[in-house]
């Protein structure tokens, strides 16, 4: 199956940070080499919200990705600092395309680049995406339905004040593609989600 990205286009993405809840984290998505890669960067601040904090960039509008027959997503990175990043997929989004995405279930996969300048390939199995609702594990949610994925986002968060997560972050992404390859089923550190419950 053809890659989802590239081509990278800034019009396809929009920021979604903890400023929605009074936080101070910032993020940007910079398109590199005419759309061949994109850099997700910014500053993660957890002090303003008392240990919580997140910064993210999500796709705009409503997509209609159908990845039936695939095992996961292959993410090719061109570098990134030593942070736990999260890839988020959604199969249900607000009808008005608002920022109130906490009202729907998210499916999340955590990963860490190997080092700042090294190329890294991450295989994220669909079976390892964990359902969350309003920032907490959604144990009663159905498994991820890969036949109707409507939104994707990249996120970095504080995990309630983990010092190594804070400060400047950077992740350069070359491509994201559906794949039949088997990946790493280990998707830990996801339970300490720090998005405030409403």
C-alpha atoms as a PDB file:
ATOM      1  CA  UNK A   1       0.000   0.000   0.000  1.00  0.00           C
ATOM      2  CA  UNK A   2       1.235   3.490  -0.853  1.00  0.00           C
ATOM      3  CA  UNK A   3       2.612   5.752   1.892  1.00  0.00           C
ATOM      4  CA  UNK A   4       0.161   8.032   3.680  1.00  0.00           C
ATOM      5  CA  UNK A   5       2.879  10.670   3.960  1.00  0.00           C
ATOM      6  CA  UNK A   6       4.804  12.097   2.072  1.00  0.00           C
ATOM      7  CA  UNK A   7       3.924  14.332   0.464  1.00  0.00           C
ATOM      8  CA  UNK A   8       3.911  16.531   3.596  1.00  0.00           C
ATOM      9  CA  UNK A   9       1.816  19.692   3.389  1.00  0.00           C
ATOM     10  CA  UNK A  10       1.338  22.196   6.211  1.00  0.00           C
ATOM     11  CA  UNK A  11      -2.320  22.613   5.221  1.00  0.00           C
ATOM     12  CA  UNK A  12      -2.958  18.991   6.229  1.00  0.00           C
ATOM     13  CA  UNK A  13      -1.968  19.578   9.868  1.00  0.00           C
ATOM     14  CA  UNK A  14      -2.925  21.838  12.770  1.00  0.00           C
ATOM     15  CA  UNK A  15      -1.554  22.256  16.338  1.00  0.00           C
ATOM     16  CA  UNK A  16      -3.433  21.003  19.383  1.00  0.00           C
ATOM     17  CA  UNK A  17      -1.665  21.832  22.648  1.00  0.00           C
ATOM     18  CA  UNK A  18      -2.433  22.071  26.352  1.00  0.00           C
ATOM     19  CA  UNK A  19      -3.244  25.766  25.854  1.00  0.00           C
ATOM     20  CA  UNK A  20      -6.779  24.417  25.387  1.00  0.00           C
ATOM     21  CA  UNK A  21      -6.743  23.886  29.156  1.00  0.00           C
ATOM     22  CA  UNK A  22      -4.636  26.873  30.171  1.00  0.00           C
ATOM     23  CA  UNK A  23      -1.227  25.297  29.588  1.00  0.00           C
ATOM     24  CA  UNK A  24       1.883  26.849  28.054  1.00  0.00           C
ATOM     25  CA  UNK A  25       3.261  24.109  25.765  1.00  0.00           C
ATOM     26  CA  UNK A  26       3.892  25.001  22.132  1.00  0.00           C
ATOM     27  CA  UNK A  27       4.368  23.033  18.920  1.00  0.00           C
ATOM     28  CA  UNK A  28       5.127  23.552  15.241  1.00  0.00           C
ATOM     29  CA  UNK A  29       5.270  21.402  12.125  1.00  0.00           C
ATOM     30  CA  UNK A  30       7.946  22.460   9.650  1.00  0.00           C
ATOM     31  CA  UNK A  31       7.924  21.020   6.133  1.00  0.00           C
ATOM     32  CA  UNK A  32      11.397  20.031   4.884  1.00  0.00           C
ATOM     33  CA  UNK A  33      12.807  19.435   1.400  1.00  0.00           C
ATOM     34  CA  UNK A  34       9.698  20.434  -0.492  1.00  0.00           C
ATOM     35  CA  UNK A  35       7.457  18.021   1.363  1.00  0.00           C
ATOM     36  CA  UNK A  36       9.758  15.001   1.659  1.00  0.00           C
ATOM     37  CA  UNK A  37       9.796  15.142   5.469  1.00  0.00           C
ATOM     38  CA  UNK A  38       8.330  17.092   8.370  1.00  0.00           C
ATOM     39  CA  UNK A  39       9.725  18.211  11.736  1.00  0.00           C
ATOM     40  CA  UNK A  40       7.414  18.163  14.763  1.00  0.00           C
ATOM     41  CA  UNK A  41       9.015  20.436  17.376  1.00  0.00           C
ATOM     42  CA  UNK A  42       8.263  22.770  20.232  1.00  0.00           C
ATOM     43  CA  UNK A  43       8.491  23.152  23.990  1.00  0.00           C
ATOM     44  CA  UNK A  44       6.702  20.918  26.481  1.00  0.00           C
ATOM     45  CA  UNK A  45       5.848  22.701  29.726  1.00  0.00           C
ATOM     46  CA  UNK A  46       4.381  20.820  32.688  1.00  0.00           C
ATOM     47  CA  UNK A  47       4.691  23.500  35.372  1.00  0.00           C
ATOM     48  CA  UNK A  48       1.703  25.620  34.351  1.00  0.00           C
ATOM     49  CA  UNK A  49      -0.748  22.731  34.803  1.00  0.00           C
ATOM     50  CA  UNK A  50       0.892  21.340  37.928  1.00  0.00           C
ATOM     51  CA  UNK A  51       2.767  18.424  36.354  1.00  0.00           C
ATOM     52  CA  UNK A  52       0.535  17.823  33.348  1.00  0.00           C
ATOM     53  CA  UNK A  53       1.276  19.011  29.842  1.00  0.00           C
ATOM     54  CA  UNK A  54       1.077  17.988  26.194  1.00  0.00           C
ATOM     55  CA  UNK A  55       1.816  19.292  22.708  1.00  0.00           C
ATOM     56  CA  UNK A  56       0.573  17.758  19.481  1.00  0.00           C
ATOM     57  CA  UNK A  57      -0.120  18.212  15.777  1.00  0.00           C
ATOM     58  CA  UNK A  58      -3.108  16.503  14.172  1.00  0.00           C
ATOM     59  CA  UNK A  59      -4.440  16.074  10.662  1.00  0.00           C
ATOM     60  CA  UNK A  60      -7.139  18.491   9.526  1.00  0.00           C
ATOM     61  CA  UNK A  61     -10.613  17.590   8.359  1.00  0.00           C
ATOM     62  CA  UNK A  62     -11.914  14.025   8.222  1.00  0.00           C
ATOM     63  CA  UNK A  63      -9.869  11.315   6.540  1.00  0.00           C
ATOM     64  CA  UNK A  64     -11.132   7.960   5.292  1.00  0.00           C
ATOM     65  CA  UNK A  65      -8.156   5.644   5.681  1.00  0.00           C
ATOM     66  CA  UNK A  66      -8.868   1.932   5.246  1.00  0.00           C
ATOM     67  CA  UNK A  67      -5.922  -0.246   6.227  1.00  0.00           C
ATOM     68  CA  UNK A  68      -7.684  -3.609   6.165  1.00  0.00           C
ATOM     69  CA  UNK A  69      -5.220  -6.423   5.521  1.00  0.00           C
ATOM     70  CA  UNK A  70      -2.302  -4.479   7.034  1.00  0.00           C
ATOM     71  CA  UNK A  71      -0.632  -5.242  10.387  1.00  0.00           C
ATOM     72  CA  UNK A  72       0.435  -1.766  11.417  1.00  0.00           C
ATOM     73  CA  UNK A  73       2.119   1.484  10.471  1.00  0.00           C
ATOM     74  CA  UNK A  74       5.768   1.847   9.496  1.00  0.00           C
ATOM     75  CA  UNK A  75       7.177   5.207  10.609  1.00  0.00           C
ATOM     76  CA  UNK A  76      10.536   6.235   9.183  1.00  0.00           C
ATOM     77  CA  UNK A  77      12.307   8.850  11.288  1.00  0.00           C
ATOM     78  CA  UNK A  78      15.294  10.993  10.340  1.00  0.00           C
ATOM     79  CA  UNK A  79      16.041  12.016  13.910  1.00  0.00           C
ATOM     80  CA  UNK A  80      14.502  13.031  17.177  1.00  0.00           C
ATOM     81  CA  UNK A  81      15.553  13.740  20.730  1.00  0.00           C
ATOM     82  CA  UNK A  82      15.181  11.172  23.479  1.00  0.00           C
ATOM     83  CA  UNK A  83      11.520  11.605  24.342  1.00  0.00           C
ATOM     84  CA  UNK A  84       8.543   9.290  24.462  1.00  0.00           C
ATOM     85  CA  UNK A  85       6.341  10.352  21.549  1.00  0.00           C
ATOM     86  CA  UNK A  86       2.809   9.118  20.931  1.00  0.00           C
ATOM     87  CA  UNK A  87       1.099   8.327  17.640  1.00  0.00           C
ATOM     88  CA  UNK A  88      -2.672   8.805  18.006  1.00  0.00           C
ATOM     89  CA  UNK A  89      -5.399   7.451  15.718  1.00  0.00           C
ATOM     90  CA  UNK A  90      -9.112   8.258  15.846  1.00  0.00           C
ATOM     91  CA  UNK A  91     -12.066   6.501  14.260  1.00  0.00           C
ATOM     92  CA  UNK A  92     -14.630   8.945  15.658  1.00  0.00           C
ATOM     93  CA  UNK A  93     -14.288  12.730  15.748  1.00  0.00           C
ATOM     94  CA  UNK A  94     -16.600  15.636  16.653  1.00  0.00           C
ATOM     95  CA  UNK A  95     -19.053  16.437  13.880  1.00  0.00           C
ATOM     96  CA  UNK A  96     -18.064  20.103  13.894  1.00  0.00           C
ATOM     97  CA  UNK A  97     -14.313  19.303  13.594  1.00  0.00           C
ATOM     98  CA  UNK A  98     -13.752  21.164  16.852  1.00  0.00           C
ATOM     99  CA  UNK A  99     -10.795  20.854  19.185  1.00  0.00           C
ATOM    100  CA  UNK A 100     -12.935  19.000  21.727  1.00  0.00           C
ATOM    101  CA  UNK A 101     -11.451  15.654  20.765  1.00  0.00           C
ATOM    102  CA  UNK A 102     -11.404  14.427  24.333  1.00  0.00           C
ATOM    103  CA  UNK A 103     -15.071  13.555  23.851  1.00  0.00           C
ATOM    104  CA  UNK A 104     -14.120  10.627  21.605  1.00  0.00           C
ATOM    105  CA  UNK A 105     -11.890   7.573  22.063  1.00  0.00           C
ATOM    106  CA  UNK A 106      -8.245   7.812  20.987  1.00  0.00           C
ATOM    107  CA  UNK A 107      -6.006   4.852  20.090  1.00  0.00           C
ATOM    108  CA  UNK A 108      -2.409   5.500  21.119  1.00  0.00           C
ATOM    109  CA  UNK A 109       1.028   4.001  20.509  1.00  0.00           C
ATOM    110  CA  UNK A 110       4.195   5.216  22.292  1.00  0.00           C
ATOM    111  CA  UNK A 111       7.663   5.140  20.774  1.00  0.00           C
ATOM    112  CA  UNK A 112      11.123   6.630  21.348  1.00  0.00           C
ATOM    113  CA  UNK A 113      13.647   7.591  18.610  1.00  0.00           C
ATOM    114  CA  UNK A 114      17.011   5.873  18.984  1.00  0.00           C
ATOM    115  CA  UNK A 115      18.995   9.136  19.092  1.00  0.00           C
ATOM    116  CA  UNK A 116      18.986  12.714  17.852  1.00  0.00           C
ATOM    117  CA  UNK A 117      20.464  12.287  14.382  1.00  0.00           C
ATOM    118  CA  UNK A 118      19.999   8.601  13.590  1.00  0.00           C
ATOM    119  CA  UNK A 119      17.533   7.207  11.097  1.00  0.00           C
ATOM    120  CA  UNK A 120      15.030   4.954  12.831  1.00  0.00           C
ATOM    121  CA  UNK A 121      12.188   2.775  11.604  1.00  0.00           C
ATOM    122  CA  UNK A 122       9.303   2.180  13.987  1.00  0.00           C
ATOM    123  CA  UNK A 123       6.750  -0.570  13.330  1.00  0.00           C
ATOM    124  CA  UNK A 124       3.571   0.207  15.289  1.00  0.00           C
ATOM    125  CA  UNK A 125       1.230  -2.837  15.241  1.00  0.00           C
ATOM    126  CA  UNK A 126      -2.437  -1.942  15.160  1.00  0.00           C
ATOM    127  CA  UNK A 127      -2.993  -4.518  17.915  1.00  0.00           C
ATOM    128  CA  UNK A 128      -0.780  -2.448  20.238  1.00  0.00           C
ATOM    129  CA  UNK A 129      -2.692   0.834  19.970  1.00  0.00           C
ATOM    130  CA  UNK A 130      -4.280   1.406  23.384  1.00  0.00           C
ATOM    131  CA  UNK A 131      -7.757   2.970  23.665  1.00  0.00           C
ATOM    132  CA  UNK A 132      -8.069   6.082  25.850  1.00  0.00           C
ATOM    133  CA  UNK A 133     -11.005   8.325  26.703  1.00  0.00           C
ATOM    134  CA  UNK A 134     -10.677  11.774  28.249  1.00  0.00           C
ATOM    135  CA  UNK A 135      -7.029  11.032  28.969  1.00  0.00           C
ATOM    136  CA  UNK A 136      -7.577   7.716  30.760  1.00  0.00           C
ATOM    137  CA  UNK A 137      -7.437   4.063  29.660  1.00  0.00           C
ATOM    138  CA  UNK A 138     -10.750   3.093  28.069  1.00  0.00           C
ATOM    139  CA  UNK A 139     -10.907  -0.548  29.088  1.00  0.00           C
ATOM    140  CA  UNK A 140     -14.421  -1.008  27.710  1.00  0.00           C
ATOM    141  CA  UNK A 141     -13.648   0.489  24.271  1.00  0.00           C
ATOM    142  CA  UNK A 142     -13.655  -1.769  21.192  1.00  0.00           C
ATOM    143  CA  UNK A 143     -10.367  -2.580  19.437  1.00  0.00           C
ATOM    144  CA  UNK A 144      -9.085  -0.144  16.839  1.00  0.00           C
ATOM    145  CA  UNK A 145     -11.129  -0.423  13.632  1.00  0.00           C
ATOM    146  CA  UNK A 146      -8.506   0.024  10.933  1.00  0.00           C
ATOM    147  CA  UNK A 147     -11.102   0.175   8.154  1.00  0.00           C
ATOM    148  CA  UNK A 148     -12.294   3.689   9.091  1.00  0.00           C
ATOM    149  CA  UNK A 149      -9.487   5.814  10.562  1.00  0.00           C
ATOM    150  CA  UNK A 150     -10.422   9.485  10.386  1.00  0.00           C
ATOM    151  CA  UNK A 151      -7.589  11.334  12.112  1.00  0.00           C
ATOM    152  CA  UNK A 152      -3.914  11.004  13.055  1.00  0.00           C
ATOM    153  CA  UNK A 153      -1.747  13.021  15.406  1.00  0.00           C
ATOM    154  CA  UNK A 154       1.729  13.077  16.926  1.00  0.00           C
ATOM    155  CA  UNK A 155       1.999  14.040  20.578  1.00  0.00           C
ATOM    156  CA  UNK A 156       4.565  14.533  23.314  1.00  0.00           C
ATOM    157  CA  UNK A 157       3.388  14.728  26.942  1.00  0.00           C
ATOM    158  CA  UNK A 158       4.790  15.059  30.425  1.00  0.00           C
ATOM    159  CA  UNK A 159       3.482  11.823  31.978  1.00  0.00           C
ATOM    160  CA  UNK A 160       2.726  13.906  35.067  1.00  0.00           C
ATOM    161  CA  UNK A 161       5.989  15.760  35.360  1.00  0.00           C
ATOM    162  CA  UNK A 162       8.631  13.301  34.136  1.00  0.00           C
ATOM    163  CA  UNK A 163      11.662  15.626  33.934  1.00  0.00           C
ATOM    164  CA  UNK A 164      13.138  13.950  30.851  1.00  0.00           C
ATOM    165  CA  UNK A 165       9.984  14.747  28.865  1.00  0.00           C
ATOM    166  CA  UNK A 166      10.014  18.500  29.471  1.00  0.00           C
ATOM    167  CA  UNK A 167      11.671  21.280  27.512  1.00  0.00           C
ATOM    168  CA  UNK A 168      12.458  21.450  23.805  1.00  0.00           C
ATOM    169  CA  UNK A 169      11.511  18.457  21.677  1.00  0.00           C
ATOM    170  CA  UNK A 170      12.102  17.548  18.045  1.00  0.00           C
ATOM    171  CA  UNK A 171      11.012  14.673  15.823  1.00  0.00           C
ATOM    172  CA  UNK A 172      11.733  14.522  12.078  1.00  0.00           C
ATOM    173  CA  UNK A 173       9.423  12.161  10.186  1.00  0.00           C
ATOM    174  CA  UNK A 174      10.206  11.011   6.664  1.00  0.00           C
ATOM    175  CA  UNK A 175       7.251   8.733   5.960  1.00  0.00           C
ATOM    176  CA  UNK A 176       4.258   6.883   7.397  1.00  0.00           C
ATOM    177  CA  UNK A 177       3.040   3.787   5.561  1.00  0.00           C
ATOM    178  CA  UNK A 178       0.669   0.877   6.246  1.00  0.00           C
ATOM    179  CA  UNK A 179       2.653  -2.342   6.445  1.00  0.00           C
ATOM    180  CA  UNK A 180       2.253  -6.098   6.764  1.00  0.00           C
ATOM    181  CA  UNK A 181       5.498  -6.287   8.769  1.00  0.00           C
ATOM    182  CA  UNK A 182       5.368  -7.538  12.335  1.00  0.00           C
ATOM    183  CA  UNK A 183       6.325  -4.911  14.898  1.00  0.00           C
ATOM    184  CA  UNK A 184       7.073  -4.365  18.559  1.00  0.00           C
ATOM    185  CA  UNK A 185       4.098  -5.344  20.685  1.00  0.00           C
ATOM    186  CA  UNK A 186       5.594  -3.549  23.700  1.00  0.00           C
ATOM    187  CA  UNK A 187       3.704  -0.274  24.125  1.00  0.00           C
ATOM    188  CA  UNK A 188       4.255   0.488  27.792  1.00  0.00           C
ATOM    189  CA  UNK A 189       4.312   3.749  29.745  1.00  0.00           C
ATOM    190  CA  UNK A 190       0.895   4.611  28.343  1.00  0.00           C
ATOM    191  CA  UNK A 191      -1.136   4.345  31.515  1.00  0.00           C
ATOM    192  CA  UNK A 192       0.174   7.540  33.156  1.00  0.00           C
ATOM    193  CA  UNK A 193      -1.650   9.756  30.689  1.00  0.00           C
ATOM    194  CA  UNK A 194      -1.732  13.329  31.893  1.00  0.00           C
ATOM    195  CA  UNK A 195      -4.534  14.935  29.932  1.00  0.00           C
ATOM    196  CA  UNK A 196      -6.972  16.182  32.600  1.00  0.00           C
ATOM    197  CA  UNK A 197     -10.197  14.258  32.966  1.00  0.00           C
ATOM    198  CA  UNK A 198     -13.351  16.293  32.348  1.00  0.00           C
END
